[in-house]
């Protein structure tokens, strides 16, 4: 993967669900088959909540949800295992690209792009 120089720009904000700050590569999950792409240390970005996505959350360093809230299934799983999570981030699946590096500040709900994947 080729990355452009760091830009560290706040791209979005959502509702904090599980506190913490993590940085990692974005993996966008919109269907169950996408869960297989998630590796340890990734920031998993989901379009909606599904119990089938929980397997990916177990490997991810952080979770960003386009919809949902503190009582959404996938957010509960993230909180229970202690990974940073932000929910209700409008259009985040189209604003981020697979392979982007982001910092997720789930204590404040802010999401920063550190590097864009230019491949």
C-alpha atoms as a PDB file:
ATOM      1  CA  UNK A   1       0.000   0.000   0.000  1.00  0.00           C
ATOM      2  CA  UNK A   2       1.269   3.431  -0.873  1.00  0.00           C
ATOM      3  CA  UNK A   3       0.358   6.335   1.391  1.00  0.00           C
ATOM      4  CA  UNK A   4       0.570  10.056   0.907  1.00  0.00           C
ATOM      5  CA  UNK A   5       2.227  12.244   3.529  1.00  0.00           C
ATOM      6  CA  UNK A   6       0.373  12.507   6.864  1.00  0.00           C
ATOM      7  CA  UNK A   7      -2.387  15.085   6.883  1.00  0.00           C
ATOM      8  CA  UNK A   8      -4.032  14.624  10.310  1.00  0.00           C
ATOM      9  CA  UNK A   9      -7.350  16.233   9.420  1.00  0.00           C
ATOM     10  CA  UNK A  10     -10.536  15.873  11.433  1.00  0.00           C
ATOM     11  CA  UNK A  11     -12.924  14.214   9.006  1.00  0.00           C
ATOM     12  CA  UNK A  12     -15.932  13.424  11.186  1.00  0.00           C
ATOM     13  CA  UNK A  13     -17.373  13.111  14.658  1.00  0.00           C
ATOM     14  CA  UNK A  14     -19.913  10.853  16.250  1.00  0.00           C
ATOM     15  CA  UNK A  15     -21.314   9.715  19.561  1.00  0.00           C
ATOM     16  CA  UNK A  16     -18.697   8.244  21.933  1.00  0.00           C
ATOM     17  CA  UNK A  17     -19.660   4.695  22.934  1.00  0.00           C
ATOM     18  CA  UNK A  18     -16.504   3.127  24.378  1.00  0.00           C
ATOM     19  CA  UNK A  19     -13.595   5.438  25.303  1.00  0.00           C
ATOM     20  CA  UNK A  20     -10.011   5.287  24.086  1.00  0.00           C
ATOM     21  CA  UNK A  21      -7.705   6.544  21.355  1.00  0.00           C
ATOM     22  CA  UNK A  22      -6.345   4.267  18.617  1.00  0.00           C
ATOM     23  CA  UNK A  23      -4.726   4.617  15.202  1.00  0.00           C
ATOM     24  CA  UNK A  24      -4.948   2.040  12.449  1.00  0.00           C
ATOM     25  CA  UNK A  25      -5.857   1.141   8.888  1.00  0.00           C
ATOM     26  CA  UNK A  26      -9.502   1.416   7.844  1.00  0.00           C
ATOM     27  CA  UNK A  27     -11.404  -1.726   6.880  1.00  0.00           C
ATOM     28  CA  UNK A  28     -14.924  -0.973   5.647  1.00  0.00           C
ATOM     29  CA  UNK A  29     -17.524  -3.641   6.426  1.00  0.00           C
ATOM     30  CA  UNK A  30     -20.921  -3.389   4.737  1.00  0.00           C
ATOM     31  CA  UNK A  31     -21.740  -7.103   4.296  1.00  0.00           C
ATOM     32  CA  UNK A  32     -20.879 -10.201   6.315  1.00  0.00           C
ATOM     33  CA  UNK A  33     -18.208 -11.359   3.822  1.00  0.00           C
ATOM     34  CA  UNK A  34     -16.256  -8.117   4.456  1.00  0.00           C
ATOM     35  CA  UNK A  35     -15.549  -9.208   8.047  1.00  0.00           C
ATOM     36  CA  UNK A  36     -12.830 -11.539   6.739  1.00  0.00           C
ATOM     37  CA  UNK A  37     -10.753  -8.467   5.700  1.00  0.00           C
ATOM     38  CA  UNK A  38     -10.414  -7.220   9.286  1.00  0.00           C
ATOM     39  CA  UNK A  39      -7.021  -7.907  10.864  1.00  0.00           C
ATOM     40  CA  UNK A  40      -5.600  -7.193  14.308  1.00  0.00           C
ATOM     41  CA  UNK A  41      -4.991  -3.488  14.735  1.00  0.00           C
ATOM     42  CA  UNK A  42      -7.447  -2.341  12.048  1.00  0.00           C
ATOM     43  CA  UNK A  43     -10.138   0.277  12.543  1.00  0.00           C
ATOM     44  CA  UNK A  44     -13.365  -1.450  11.522  1.00  0.00           C
ATOM     45  CA  UNK A  45     -15.881   0.892   9.885  1.00  0.00           C
ATOM     46  CA  UNK A  46     -19.418  -0.497   9.593  1.00  0.00           C
ATOM     47  CA  UNK A  47     -22.441   0.770   7.719  1.00  0.00           C
ATOM     48  CA  UNK A  48     -24.893  -0.816  10.169  1.00  0.00           C
ATOM     49  CA  UNK A  49     -24.990  -3.227  13.093  1.00  0.00           C
ATOM     50  CA  UNK A  50     -25.179  -6.961  12.553  1.00  0.00           C
ATOM     51  CA  UNK A  51     -24.431  -9.789  14.999  1.00  0.00           C
ATOM     52  CA  UNK A  52     -22.332 -11.332  12.178  1.00  0.00           C
ATOM     53  CA  UNK A  53     -19.920  -8.381  12.403  1.00  0.00           C
ATOM     54  CA  UNK A  54     -18.943  -9.256  16.001  1.00  0.00           C
ATOM     55  CA  UNK A  55     -16.141 -11.558  14.789  1.00  0.00           C
ATOM     56  CA  UNK A  56     -14.412  -8.578  13.186  1.00  0.00           C
ATOM     57  CA  UNK A  57     -14.803  -6.463  16.306  1.00  0.00           C
ATOM     58  CA  UNK A  58     -12.882  -9.118  18.270  1.00  0.00           C
ATOM     59  CA  UNK A  59      -9.829  -8.495  16.027  1.00  0.00           C
ATOM     60  CA  UNK A  60     -10.179  -4.742  15.471  1.00  0.00           C
ATOM     61  CA  UNK A  61      -8.391  -2.052  17.477  1.00  0.00           C
ATOM     62  CA  UNK A  62     -11.355   0.298  17.109  1.00  0.00           C
ATOM     63  CA  UNK A  63     -14.873   0.550  15.702  1.00  0.00           C
ATOM     64  CA  UNK A  64     -16.668   3.335  13.821  1.00  0.00           C
ATOM     65  CA  UNK A  65     -20.398   2.885  13.145  1.00  0.00           C
ATOM     66  CA  UNK A  66     -22.251   4.896  10.541  1.00  0.00           C
ATOM     67  CA  UNK A  67     -25.563   4.287  12.347  1.00  0.00           C
ATOM     68  CA  UNK A  68     -26.652   3.031  15.739  1.00  0.00           C
ATOM     69  CA  UNK A  69     -25.875   4.096  19.259  1.00  0.00           C
ATOM     70  CA  UNK A  70     -24.880   2.886  22.705  1.00  0.00           C
ATOM     71  CA  UNK A  71     -27.489   0.093  22.711  1.00  0.00           C
ATOM     72  CA  UNK A  72     -26.702  -1.215  19.227  1.00  0.00           C
ATOM     73  CA  UNK A  73     -25.474  -4.835  19.334  1.00  0.00           C
ATOM     74  CA  UNK A  74     -22.058  -4.214  17.793  1.00  0.00           C
ATOM     75  CA  UNK A  75     -21.459  -1.200  20.057  1.00  0.00           C
ATOM     76  CA  UNK A  76     -22.283  -3.278  23.121  1.00  0.00           C
ATOM     77  CA  UNK A  77     -19.761  -5.913  21.985  1.00  0.00           C
ATOM     78  CA  UNK A  78     -17.078  -3.228  21.503  1.00  0.00           C
ATOM     79  CA  UNK A  79     -17.757  -1.786  24.949  1.00  0.00           C
ATOM     80  CA  UNK A  80     -17.698  -5.241  26.583  1.00  0.00           C
ATOM     81  CA  UNK A  81     -14.299  -6.130  25.111  1.00  0.00           C
ATOM     82  CA  UNK A  82     -12.943  -2.649  25.758  1.00  0.00           C
ATOM     83  CA  UNK A  83     -12.143  -1.328  22.293  1.00  0.00           C
ATOM     84  CA  UNK A  84     -12.733   2.326  21.391  1.00  0.00           C
ATOM     85  CA  UNK A  85     -16.013   2.860  19.561  1.00  0.00           C
ATOM     86  CA  UNK A  86     -17.909   5.802  18.056  1.00  0.00           C
ATOM     87  CA  UNK A  87     -21.413   5.537  16.610  1.00  0.00           C
ATOM     88  CA  UNK A  88     -23.779   7.670  14.550  1.00  0.00           C
ATOM     89  CA  UNK A  89     -21.155   9.003  12.131  1.00  0.00           C
ATOM     90  CA  UNK A  90     -23.142  10.032   9.012  1.00  0.00           C
ATOM     91  CA  UNK A  91     -21.764   8.915   5.625  1.00  0.00           C
ATOM     92  CA  UNK A  92     -18.488   7.651   7.156  1.00  0.00           C
ATOM     93  CA  UNK A  93     -18.377   4.613   4.826  1.00  0.00           C
ATOM     94  CA  UNK A  94     -18.221   6.927   1.820  1.00  0.00           C
ATOM     95  CA  UNK A  95     -15.931   9.506   3.446  1.00  0.00           C
ATOM     96  CA  UNK A  96     -13.191   7.007   4.292  1.00  0.00           C
ATOM     97  CA  UNK A  97     -11.443   4.638   1.915  1.00  0.00           C
ATOM     98  CA  UNK A  98     -10.195   1.133   2.531  1.00  0.00           C
ATOM     99  CA  UNK A  99      -6.572   1.416   3.711  1.00  0.00           C
ATOM    100  CA  UNK A 100      -6.735   5.008   4.984  1.00  0.00           C
ATOM    101  CA  UNK A 101      -4.957   5.469   8.317  1.00  0.00           C
ATOM    102  CA  UNK A 102      -7.087   7.165  10.938  1.00  0.00           C
ATOM    103  CA  UNK A 103      -6.906   8.094  14.574  1.00  0.00           C
ATOM    104  CA  UNK A 104     -10.118   7.388  16.425  1.00  0.00           C
ATOM    105  CA  UNK A 105     -10.606   9.419  19.597  1.00  0.00           C
ATOM    106  CA  UNK A 106     -13.576   7.567  21.018  1.00  0.00           C
ATOM    107  CA  UNK A 107     -13.436   9.611  24.212  1.00  0.00           C
ATOM    108  CA  UNK A 108     -14.467  12.745  22.295  1.00  0.00           C
ATOM    109  CA  UNK A 109     -16.058  11.057  19.257  1.00  0.00           C
ATOM    110  CA  UNK A 110     -13.591  12.618  16.788  1.00  0.00           C
ATOM    111  CA  UNK A 111     -12.056  10.858  13.773  1.00  0.00           C
ATOM    112  CA  UNK A 112      -8.847  12.135  12.141  1.00  0.00           C
ATOM    113  CA  UNK A 113      -7.316  11.043   8.822  1.00  0.00           C
ATOM    114  CA  UNK A 114      -3.584  10.541   9.272  1.00  0.00           C
ATOM    115  CA  UNK A 115      -2.807   9.260   5.753  1.00  0.00           C
ATOM    116  CA  UNK A 116      -4.918   8.561   2.671  1.00  0.00           C
ATOM    117  CA  UNK A 117      -4.403   5.368   0.704  1.00  0.00           C
ATOM    118  CA  UNK A 118      -3.454   6.496  -2.780  1.00  0.00           C
ATOM    119  CA  UNK A 119      -3.281   3.031  -4.377  1.00  0.00           C
END
